[in-house]
């Protein structure tokens, strides 16, 4: 045994107790620094002011932009509709553990839909220096859903309903060849103008000459 056994034991006890107290205080300080929430960046708000229009039967997806808030980056995102209604077929979705809200789905009805969207970011506290925290905000938005364009039916023609009557009128052109002498007149014929009965009458050149001779008889020269 050392002569100062009792005194040394007490001294070591004091040192150990002080060391434990110092370590405990350091641990609390580190927890406060590490788990301390991030500085506030202004109120939590939805930055998106308007939403694009959708169409029936076409997939719709629109991310909502947010800013501000005082809660840490770990938590859960939730949402509710305080008033109005989303277009049929759409909903607000958020990935697990991600501060994000997206309106998506396939619209099934046309019209203009106005609704008050309430979103929340909930942080679960882990220590007295990092308590529970909730960032939430409400904003009224509108989505217009358009009906799909009506396709125009192709023009069809029913052949059974189309009929046409074509009348062909032949045209006959008759030209008279020039007659150079009396012999040609004997061998050629001529078509006269239509008579009052509407029929064509063929006149022989010889008959025509006889008719002219009958009307004006030829004179016989006197003998000298």
Foldseek 3Di string as FASTA:
>chain_A
DDPCVPVVVVVVVVVVVVVVVVVVVVVVVVCLVVQAWDPWPDAKDFPDDADEAAEAQDKDKDKIDIDTDTAHQFFAKDKDWPDWDDAPFWDWDDDGRGPIIMIIGGGHDFDKTKTKMKMKTWDPADDPSNHTGMHIDIDIYMYGYDYDDDDDDDDDDDPVVDDDDDDDDDDDDDDDDDDDDPVSQQVDWDWDDADPVRDIDIDRSVNVVVVVCVVPPDDDDDDD
